Protein backbone atom coordinates (compact mmCIF):
# COMPACT_ATOMS: atom_id res chain seq x y z
CA MET A 1 0.14 -0.10 -0.18
CA THR A 2 1.53 3.60 -1.01
CA SER A 3 1.42 6.47 1.34
CA VAL A 4 0.54 9.58 0.04
CA THR A 5 2.35 12.34 1.59
CA THR A 6 0.44 15.76 1.29
CA GLU A 7 2.45 18.98 1.64
CA ILE A 8 1.13 22.45 2.06
CA THR A 9 2.73 24.90 -0.12
CA PRO A 10 3.44 28.53 1.04
CA ASP A 11 0.56 29.35 -1.51
CA VAL A 12 -1.96 27.19 0.32
CA GLN A 13 -0.71 28.90 3.74
CA ARG A 14 -1.29 32.17 2.50
CA LYS A 15 -4.68 31.37 1.57
CA SER A 16 -5.75 29.63 4.82
CA PRO A 17 -8.44 31.67 6.98
CA ALA A 18 -5.95 31.91 10.03
CA VAL A 19 -3.18 33.45 8.03
CA VAL A 20 -5.37 35.82 5.99
CA ARG A 21 -7.10 36.75 9.50
CA GLN A 22 -3.52 37.42 10.76
CA ALA A 23 -2.43 39.49 7.98
CA LYS A 24 -5.49 41.54 8.30
CA ASP A 25 -5.12 42.17 11.86
CA ARG A 26 -1.71 43.32 11.39
CA ARG A 27 -2.55 45.64 8.48
CA ARG A 28 -5.19 47.05 10.71
CA SER A 29 -2.93 47.24 13.73
CA LEU A 30 -0.16 49.36 11.55
CA LEU A 31 -3.14 51.70 10.26
CA LEU A 32 -4.21 52.53 14.00
CA LEU A 33 -0.48 52.94 15.06
CA THR A 34 0.27 55.21 11.94
CA PRO A 35 -1.26 58.54 12.85
CA GLY A 36 -0.03 58.36 16.42
CA VAL A 37 3.32 57.52 15.24
CA ILE A 38 3.37 60.34 12.54
CA TRP A 39 1.83 62.76 15.30
CA MET A 40 4.84 61.64 17.86
CA THR A 41 7.50 62.05 15.20
CA LEU A 42 6.64 65.26 14.11
CA PHE A 43 5.66 67.00 17.60
CA LEU A 44 8.35 65.04 19.90
CA LEU A 45 10.97 63.46 18.38
CA LEU A 46 11.90 66.22 15.95
CA PRO A 47 11.65 68.98 18.15
CA LEU A 48 13.85 66.89 20.44
CA CYS A 49 16.37 66.40 17.71
CA MET A 50 16.34 69.78 17.06
CA VAL A 51 16.88 70.93 20.60
CA VAL A 52 19.94 68.29 20.77
CA TYR A 53 21.30 69.72 17.40
CA VAL A 54 20.98 73.46 18.65
CA SER A 55 22.64 72.74 21.96
CA PHE A 56 25.91 71.99 20.17
CA TRP A 57 25.52 75.44 18.10
CA THR A 58 28.20 78.05 18.70
CA GLN A 59 26.94 80.39 21.04
CA THR A 60 28.45 84.30 20.64
CA THR A 61 27.37 87.11 22.84
CA PHE A 62 24.71 88.37 20.71
CA ALA A 63 24.14 85.66 18.16
CA VAL A 64 24.16 81.83 17.62
CA GLU A 65 25.90 80.00 14.46
CA PRO A 66 25.01 76.53 13.45
CA THR A 67 28.60 75.48 13.73
CA LEU A 68 28.84 72.37 15.79
CA THR A 69 30.81 72.56 19.18
CA THR A 70 30.74 71.44 22.90
CA ALA A 71 31.63 75.08 24.29
CA SER A 72 28.22 75.10 25.30
CA TRP A 73 28.07 72.03 26.94
CA GLU A 74 31.26 72.65 28.89
CA GLN A 75 30.11 76.22 30.06
CA PHE A 76 26.91 74.88 31.44
CA LEU A 77 28.56 71.99 33.14
CA SER A 78 31.15 74.08 34.82
CA SER A 79 29.50 76.91 35.93
CA PRO A 80 28.34 76.91 39.62
CA THR A 81 25.30 78.93 38.64
CA TYR A 82 23.73 76.44 36.35
CA LEU A 83 25.19 73.42 38.65
CA SER A 84 23.08 74.89 41.36
CA ALA A 85 20.14 75.30 39.34
CA ILE A 86 20.24 71.69 38.84
CA TRP A 87 20.41 70.77 42.23
CA THR A 88 17.94 73.48 43.58
CA THR A 89 15.50 71.92 40.88
CA LEU A 90 16.05 68.34 42.21
CA ARG A 91 15.43 69.43 45.85
CA VAL A 92 12.38 71.41 45.14
CA TRP A 93 11.22 68.42 43.17
CA ALA A 94 11.81 65.99 45.73
CA ILE A 95 10.25 68.20 48.62
CA VAL A 96 7.06 68.89 46.75
CA LEU A 97 6.51 65.34 45.49
CA THR A 98 7.10 64.17 49.27
CA ALA A 99 4.43 67.19 50.30
CA THR A 100 1.92 66.52 47.84
CA LEU A 101 1.70 62.62 48.56
CA VAL A 102 1.62 63.39 52.43
CA VAL A 103 -1.09 66.03 51.94
CA GLY A 104 -3.00 64.47 49.03
CA TYR A 105 -2.79 60.64 50.15
CA PRO A 106 -5.29 61.19 53.29
CA VAL A 107 -7.31 63.10 51.24
CA ALA A 108 -7.80 60.70 48.60
CA LEU A 109 -8.02 57.55 51.18
CA PHE A 110 -10.89 59.42 52.73
CA ILE A 111 -12.65 60.10 49.41
CA GLY A 112 -11.89 56.78 48.12
CA LEU A 113 -12.66 54.67 51.17
CA PHE A 114 -14.87 56.47 53.59
CA VAL A 115 -17.33 58.39 51.11
CA LYS A 116 -19.68 55.60 49.92
CA SER A 117 -22.09 57.91 47.62
CA LYS A 118 -20.26 58.19 43.86
CA THR A 119 -22.30 61.81 44.08
CA ILE A 120 -20.58 62.98 47.00
CA GLN A 121 -17.13 61.54 45.69
CA THR A 122 -17.71 63.20 42.59
CA ALA A 123 -18.56 66.37 44.47
CA LEU A 124 -15.16 66.44 46.53
CA LEU A 125 -13.30 65.71 43.58
CA VAL A 126 -14.65 68.68 41.74
CA ALA A 127 -14.05 70.92 44.76
CA CYS A 128 -10.58 69.94 44.30
CA VAL A 129 -10.23 71.00 40.97
CA ILE A 130 -12.50 74.39 41.59
CA PRO A 131 -9.04 76.07 41.88
CA PHE A 132 -8.12 75.28 38.30
CA TRP A 133 -10.99 77.32 37.15
CA THR A 134 -8.89 80.61 37.63
CA SER A 135 -5.97 81.35 35.65
CA PHE A 136 -2.55 79.91 37.01
CA LEU A 137 -0.74 82.92 37.38
CA ILE A 138 -3.96 84.18 39.40
CA ARG A 139 -3.36 81.36 41.81
CA VAL A 140 0.13 82.17 42.27
CA ILE A 141 0.23 85.39 43.00
CA ALA A 142 -2.70 85.05 45.51
CA TRP A 143 -0.21 83.44 47.80
CA ARG A 144 1.46 86.92 48.07
CA PRO A 145 -1.28 88.66 50.10
CA MET A 146 -1.24 85.38 52.45
CA LEU A 147 2.37 85.05 53.04
CA GLY A 148 3.60 88.60 53.08
CA THR A 149 4.81 90.48 56.26
CA GLU A 150 1.32 92.20 56.29
CA GLY A 151 -0.43 89.11 54.92
CA ALA A 152 -3.04 87.15 56.34
CA ILE A 153 -0.77 84.61 58.06
CA ASN A 154 1.21 87.04 59.56
CA THR A 155 -1.77 89.10 61.04
CA ILE A 156 -3.24 86.11 62.53
CA LEU A 157 -0.22 85.16 64.27
CA LEU A 158 0.45 88.63 65.53
CA GLN A 159 -3.12 89.08 66.66
CA LEU A 160 -2.96 85.51 68.62
CA GLY A 161 0.32 86.28 70.24
CA VAL A 162 2.29 83.56 68.64
CA ILE A 163 4.77 85.94 67.08
CA ASN A 164 6.14 89.34 68.16
CA GLU A 165 7.21 90.42 64.79
CA PRO A 166 6.54 89.42 61.05
CA LEU A 167 7.88 86.41 59.52
CA THR A 168 9.84 87.40 56.70
CA PHE A 169 10.88 84.00 55.21
CA LEU A 170 7.31 83.43 54.37
CA LEU A 171 7.55 85.20 51.16
CA PHE A 172 9.97 85.66 48.49
CA SER A 173 11.80 82.55 49.49
CA GLU A 174 12.10 78.96 48.83
CA PHE A 175 9.35 78.28 51.36
CA ALA A 176 6.95 80.15 49.52
CA VAL A 177 7.85 78.48 46.48
CA LEU A 178 7.36 75.02 48.13
CA VAL A 179 4.03 76.04 49.48
CA GLY A 180 2.82 77.17 46.38
CA MET A 181 3.59 74.43 44.14
CA THR A 182 2.30 71.88 46.81
CA GLN A 183 -1.22 73.62 46.85
CA ILE A 184 -1.15 73.87 43.01
CA TYR A 185 -0.21 70.45 42.31
CA CYS A 186 -1.70 68.54 45.00
CA VAL A 187 -4.93 67.86 43.08
CA PHE A 188 -2.76 65.91 40.74
CA MET A 189 -1.78 63.43 43.21
CA VAL A 190 -5.50 63.15 44.87
CA GLY A 191 -7.01 62.14 41.67
CA PRO A 192 -5.29 59.07 40.46
CA ILE A 193 -4.91 57.61 44.04
CA THR A 194 -8.59 58.30 44.63
CA PHE A 195 -9.11 56.77 41.41
CA MET A 196 -7.29 53.32 42.29
CA ILE A 197 -8.71 53.50 45.90
CA GLY A 198 -12.33 53.46 44.37
CA ARG A 199 -11.43 50.35 42.59
CA ILE A 200 -10.84 48.16 45.64
CA ASP A 201 -13.31 45.55 46.09
CA PRO A 202 -15.35 46.39 49.54
CA SER A 203 -15.69 42.59 50.05
CA VAL A 204 -11.90 42.39 50.36
CA ILE A 205 -11.85 44.79 53.22
CA GLU A 206 -14.84 43.36 55.17
CA ALA A 207 -13.25 39.63 54.46
CA ALA A 208 -10.14 41.22 56.31
CA ARG A 209 -12.46 42.71 58.96
CA ASP A 210 -14.04 39.52 59.74
CA LEU A 211 -10.77 37.91 60.23
CA GLY A 212 -9.74 40.72 62.79
CA ALA A 213 -7.80 42.90 60.89
CA SER A 214 -7.31 46.21 62.47
CA PHE A 215 -7.41 49.29 60.15
CA GLY A 216 -3.52 49.60 60.11
CA THR A 217 -3.20 45.99 58.89
CA ILE A 218 -6.06 46.51 56.35
CA PHE A 219 -4.31 49.82 55.27
CA ARG A 220 -0.55 48.12 55.02
CA ARG A 221 -1.56 45.01 53.78
CA ILE A 222 -4.48 45.79 51.18
CA VAL A 223 -5.28 49.35 50.67
CA LEU A 224 -1.48 50.71 50.20
CA PRO A 225 -0.38 48.04 47.50
CA LEU A 226 -3.61 48.41 45.53
CA SER A 227 -3.52 51.97 45.57
CA MET A 228 0.17 52.05 44.68
CA PRO A 229 -0.51 52.46 40.58
CA GLY A 230 -2.31 55.70 41.50
CA VAL A 231 0.71 56.82 43.51
CA ILE A 232 3.08 56.10 40.80
CA VAL A 233 0.71 57.95 38.19
CA GLY A 234 0.20 60.95 40.67
CA ALA A 235 3.95 60.94 40.95
CA ILE A 236 4.61 61.23 37.46
CA PHE A 237 2.07 64.10 36.78
CA VAL A 238 3.70 66.19 39.71
CA SER A 239 7.21 65.46 38.73
CA VAL A 240 6.90 66.52 34.96
CA MET A 241 4.93 69.64 36.06
CA VAL A 242 7.35 70.60 39.07
CA LEU A 243 10.47 69.94 37.00
CA GLY A 244 9.47 71.96 34.10
CA GLU A 245 8.41 74.82 36.54
CA PHE A 246 9.39 78.50 36.35
CA ALA A 247 6.60 80.82 36.90
CA THR A 248 5.96 79.81 40.46
CA ALA A 249 9.67 80.42 41.65
CA ALA A 250 9.96 83.61 39.74
CA SER A 251 6.64 84.96 41.41
CA LEU A 252 7.20 83.77 44.84
CA SER A 253 10.44 83.73 45.50
CA GLY A 254 11.61 87.19 43.98
CA ARG A 255 14.11 85.39 41.57
CA LYS A 256 15.94 84.01 44.49
CA VAL A 257 15.09 80.27 43.55
CA ASN A 258 16.66 79.62 40.15
CA LEU A 259 15.36 76.28 38.66
CA LEU A 260 15.99 75.00 35.44
CA GLY A 261 13.11 76.28 34.03
CA ASN A 262 13.82 79.63 34.98
CA ILE A 263 17.27 79.37 33.49
CA ILE A 264 15.66 78.26 29.90
CA VAL A 265 13.37 81.37 30.30
CA SER A 266 16.19 83.61 30.96
CA GLN A 267 18.52 82.07 28.22
CA VAL A 268 16.07 82.53 25.60
CA GLY A 269 15.18 85.92 26.78
CA SER A 270 18.49 86.94 25.98
CA LEU A 271 18.79 85.05 22.50
CA LYS A 272 21.08 82.42 24.21
CA TRP A 273 19.45 79.48 22.28
CA ALA A 274 22.46 77.23 22.45
CA PHE A 275 22.58 77.68 26.29
CA ALA A 276 18.79 77.38 26.60
CA ALA A 277 18.83 74.16 24.67
CA VAL A 278 21.63 72.81 26.55
CA ALA A 279 19.56 73.49 29.55
CA GLY A 280 16.21 71.94 28.09
CA VAL A 281 18.18 68.95 27.21
CA VAL A 282 19.31 68.16 30.74
CA LEU A 283 16.06 68.89 31.81
CA THR A 284 14.53 66.38 29.39
CA ILE A 285 16.98 63.76 30.57
CA ILE A 286 16.31 64.18 34.34
CA ILE A 287 12.46 63.96 33.36
CA THR A 288 12.89 60.64 31.55
CA ALA A 289 15.08 59.44 34.44
CA VAL A 290 12.56 60.29 36.80
CA ILE A 291 9.87 58.56 34.89
CA THR A 292 11.81 55.56 34.08
CA LEU A 293 12.65 55.12 37.56
CA ALA A 294 8.94 55.42 38.70
CA LEU A 295 7.67 53.01 36.31
CA ARG A 296 10.06 50.45 37.25
CA VAL A 297 8.53 50.75 41.05
CA VAL A 298 5.29 49.22 39.35
CA ASP A 299 4.15 48.00 36.30
CA LEU A 300 1.61 49.94 35.04
CA ARG A 301 0.07 47.83 32.30
CA LYS A 302 -0.35 45.02 34.47
CA GLU A 303 -1.90 46.93 37.45
CA MET A 304 -4.22 49.18 35.59
């Protein structure tokens, strides 16, 4: 008896329903990705490449020439002013990030865990966003009459007898910048954490209570781990905005606090494009490193 071996040719494989369906899915995926890839290329990658390119241009006193050199980088990395701006930016970022987490997490915990009504939760979150209905600069400048030597805080403390003379460090100092940034960006920490806490199944907490777990144990073993993706998302939001800040520092510090954002603004105003590009590249590297580090703490694609 003769055995017949049938081989599937490539033409037959290409015409099989599974192969055709895979090819269609691949083309559909590429079609859906194309607009986003084009957008990111035109408005993110190309501008970044241009900034890096300009950072190597030759900077003169009143002009910049497209002759490649590392002079701007050498001057930036050897200047105490610019290096101090980097460390000041990192210090302000770390303090504001910690402050927004310390202030925002309890608020998010209360809204997401203890408020059972979705309507009230929405109302409270809207109340947190109400300050954003006004201009950013107005919200920043509004701190001046609060923190000034004749402002509300000093007046109240003097009337209560807590202090004998006005506190001068409240305004036009790094303290004022920290207070202003914490108030402005705290909502970006509250929102993501509230969302993640609201997703926790109440039956899991009830089961833990039935087993005799205290609130501290429930928070440490259940609430905190499950809310970490929200903390990371909030930290990314706050980090990106704080690291790129310049208006709050200029307004509330009296230009005593020099951040990388202020360096970029001042260099652009002086038409020193190469120095501004160097500061921009350094700032982009810092932001990229912070986001990468945050994403290593929690796998958002898995947790979300």
